[in-house]
Protein backbone atom coordinates (compact mmCIF):
# COMPACT_ATOMS: atom_id res chain seq x y z
CA MET A 1 15.61 46.94 5.68
CA LYS A 2 14.77 43.82 7.68
CA ASN A 3 16.94 40.69 7.58
CA THR A 4 14.02 38.60 6.33
CA LYS A 5 13.32 40.84 3.33
CA SER A 6 14.92 40.35 -0.06
CA ILE A 7 16.47 43.12 -2.13
CA LYS A 8 13.58 42.94 -4.58
CA GLU A 9 11.00 43.41 -1.83
CA TYR A 10 12.99 46.22 -0.25
CA PHE A 11 13.34 48.10 -3.53
CA ALA A 12 9.63 47.71 -4.21
CA ARG A 13 8.90 49.29 -0.83
CA VAL A 14 11.39 52.13 -1.37
CA THR A 15 10.05 52.79 -4.88
CA ALA A 16 6.50 52.99 -3.54
CA MET A 17 7.59 55.47 -0.88
CA THR A 18 9.50 57.65 -3.34
CA ASN A 19 6.51 57.66 -5.69
CA LYS A 20 4.32 58.88 -2.82
CA ILE A 21 6.84 61.61 -2.00
CA LYS A 22 7.03 62.67 -5.66
CA SER A 23 3.23 62.72 -5.92
CA ASN A 24 3.18 65.25 -3.07
CA GLY A 25 5.33 67.55 -5.17
CA GLU A 26 8.77 67.01 -3.56
CA VAL A 27 11.71 66.64 -5.95
CA THR A 28 13.87 63.59 -5.12
CA PRO A 29 16.72 62.82 -7.50
CA ASP A 30 17.87 59.22 -8.00
CA SER A 31 21.20 59.98 -6.31
CA LYS A 32 19.39 60.89 -3.08
CA VAL A 33 17.37 57.64 -3.19
CA VAL A 34 20.51 55.58 -3.96
CA GLU A 35 22.35 57.09 -0.99
CA LYS A 36 19.35 56.52 1.26
CA ILE A 37 19.17 52.85 0.21
CA LEU A 38 22.89 52.33 0.79
CA ARG A 39 22.59 53.77 4.31
CA THR A 40 19.59 51.64 5.28
CA LEU A 41 20.78 48.21 4.18
CA THR A 42 21.42 45.49 6.78
CA GLU A 43 24.85 44.58 8.15
CA ARG A 44 25.31 41.66 5.78
CA PHE A 45 25.59 44.19 2.93
CA THR A 46 28.19 46.38 4.67
CA TYR A 47 31.11 45.16 2.55
CA VAL A 48 29.06 45.42 -0.62
CA VAL A 49 28.04 48.99 0.21
CA ILE A 50 31.65 49.96 0.92
CA SER A 51 32.85 48.49 -2.36
CA ILE A 52 30.06 50.20 -4.32
CA GLU A 53 30.87 53.55 -2.71
CA GLU A 54 34.60 53.11 -3.39
CA VAL A 55 34.35 51.95 -6.99
CA ARG A 56 31.28 53.72 -8.37
CA ASP A 57 30.02 57.27 -8.33
CA THR A 58 26.76 57.15 -6.37
CA THR A 59 25.73 60.60 -7.59
CA THR A 60 25.37 59.30 -11.18
CA MET A 61 24.20 55.77 -10.33
CA SER A 62 20.61 54.85 -11.15
CA ILE A 63 18.31 52.98 -8.80
CA ASP A 64 18.06 50.08 -11.25
CA GLU A 65 21.86 49.72 -11.40
CA LEU A 66 22.04 49.60 -7.62
CA GLN A 67 19.21 47.08 -7.41
CA SER A 68 20.81 44.72 -9.92
CA SER A 69 24.20 44.97 -8.22
CA LEU A 70 22.73 44.23 -4.79
CA ALA A 71 20.58 41.40 -6.16
CA VAL A 72 23.69 39.68 -7.54
CA HIS A 73 25.39 39.92 -4.16
CA GLU A 74 22.27 38.64 -2.40
CA GLN A 75 22.26 35.56 -4.64
CA LYS A 76 25.90 34.91 -3.71
CA PHE A 77 25.02 35.16 -0.01
CA LYS A 78 22.19 32.68 -0.44
CA LYS A 79 24.39 30.27 -2.37
CA MET A 80 27.11 30.45 0.26
CA ASN A 81 24.60 29.81 3.05
CA VAL A 82 23.17 26.78 1.25
CA GLU A 83 26.64 25.33 0.69
CA GLU A 84 27.58 25.98 4.30
CA ASP A 85 24.40 24.32 5.57
CA HIS A 86 25.04 21.34 3.31
CA ALA A 87 28.61 21.04 4.58
CA LEU A 88 27.41 21.15 8.17
CA ARG A 89 24.84 18.44 7.49
CA VAL A 90 27.45 16.22 5.86
CA GLU A 91 29.85 16.84 8.73
CA GLN A 92 27.17 15.97 11.28
CA THR A 93 26.23 12.70 9.60
CA LYS A 94 29.86 11.80 9.02
CA TYR A 95 31.05 12.23 12.61
CA GLY A 96 27.89 12.70 14.60
CA ARG A 97 25.69 10.25 16.37
CA GLY A 98 24.36 7.19 14.68
CA GLY A 99 27.59 5.18 14.62
CA GLY A 100 27.87 5.26 10.87
CA ARG A 101 30.71 3.57 9.10
CA MET A 102 32.90 6.66 9.16
CA GLY A 103 32.10 7.40 12.80
CA SER A 104 33.48 4.09 14.02
CA ARG A 105 36.74 4.28 12.07
CA GLY A 106 39.76 6.41 12.37
CA ARG A 107 42.20 7.32 15.06
CA GLY A 108 42.12 5.17 18.16
CA ARG A 109 40.12 2.40 16.56
CA GLY A 110 39.49 -0.41 18.99
CA ARG A 111 40.81 1.33 22.07
CA GLY A 112 38.48 1.03 25.01
CA ARG A 113 35.61 -0.24 22.91
CA SER A 114 34.07 -3.64 23.31
CA LEU A 115 33.08 -5.42 20.12
CA ASP A 116 29.85 -7.39 20.05
CA LYS A 117 30.56 -10.37 17.82
CA ALA A 118 26.90 -11.36 17.84
CA THR A 119 26.28 -8.90 15.03
CA ILE A 120 29.35 -9.81 12.94
CA GLU A 121 28.85 -12.06 9.91
CA CYS A 122 31.56 -14.41 8.70
CA TYR A 123 32.59 -13.92 5.05
CA LYS A 124 33.24 -17.64 4.63
CA CYS A 125 30.17 -19.38 6.11
CA HIS A 126 27.89 -16.31 6.51
CA LYS A 127 27.03 -17.24 10.10
CA LEU A 128 26.99 -14.72 12.91
CA GLY A 129 29.41 -14.60 15.83
CA HIS A 130 32.90 -14.86 14.33
CA PHE A 131 35.31 -13.49 11.76
CA ARG A 132 36.49 -15.36 8.67
CA PHE A 133 39.91 -16.13 10.17
CA GLU A 134 38.11 -17.70 13.17
CA CYS A 135 35.67 -19.69 11.04
CA PRO A 136 35.33 -23.30 12.29
CA SER A 137 34.17 -24.53 8.87
CA TRP A 138 37.28 -23.26 7.07
CA ASP A 139 39.88 -25.98 6.78
CA LYS A 140 43.13 -24.05 7.11
CA ALA A 141 45.31 -27.16 6.76
CA ASN A 142 43.93 -27.87 3.29
CA TYR A 143 44.60 -24.29 2.28
CA ALA A 144 48.25 -24.58 3.35
CA GLU A 145 48.64 -27.93 1.52
CA ALA A 146 47.12 -26.44 -1.63
CA GLN A 147 49.66 -23.64 -1.51
CA LYS A 148 52.52 -26.16 -1.16
CA ARG A 149 51.25 -28.17 -4.15
CA LYS A 150 50.94 -25.03 -6.20
CA LYS A 151 54.55 -24.05 -5.47
CA LYS A 152 55.85 -27.51 -6.43
CA CYS A 153 53.99 -27.57 -9.73
CA CYS A 154 55.00 -24.18 -11.02
């Protein structure tokens, strides 16, 4: 079996070969075909083959039973690979290049990095070049007086 082939394709090929052998008059029981298939599977099915041989009797197992069992395991492999690929993609965008929001935060924030204030927008006046606490249009004295008045009233 090749790594690029699916279980369904492999079983179709094996079935075609066994039909040719049977048409030539040779007797091949299902148990012989099952054992042959289990020996010729790729390395990714090694653990599956071992568990099948340990749990089930391969001499009484039909080819269809084996095919369905291996197809289920193949689907699990595919699902695991898709989830792993997705996790790697998320990890790459989260911490990789591009300077995304998550990439610039975290441990060591601000150490050794220069901050370009030209791209920073003030939340108060919405102008570029300063933070809200540095905003020249924000009258801090009035804010403090308003707080004092509020405390006296209540």
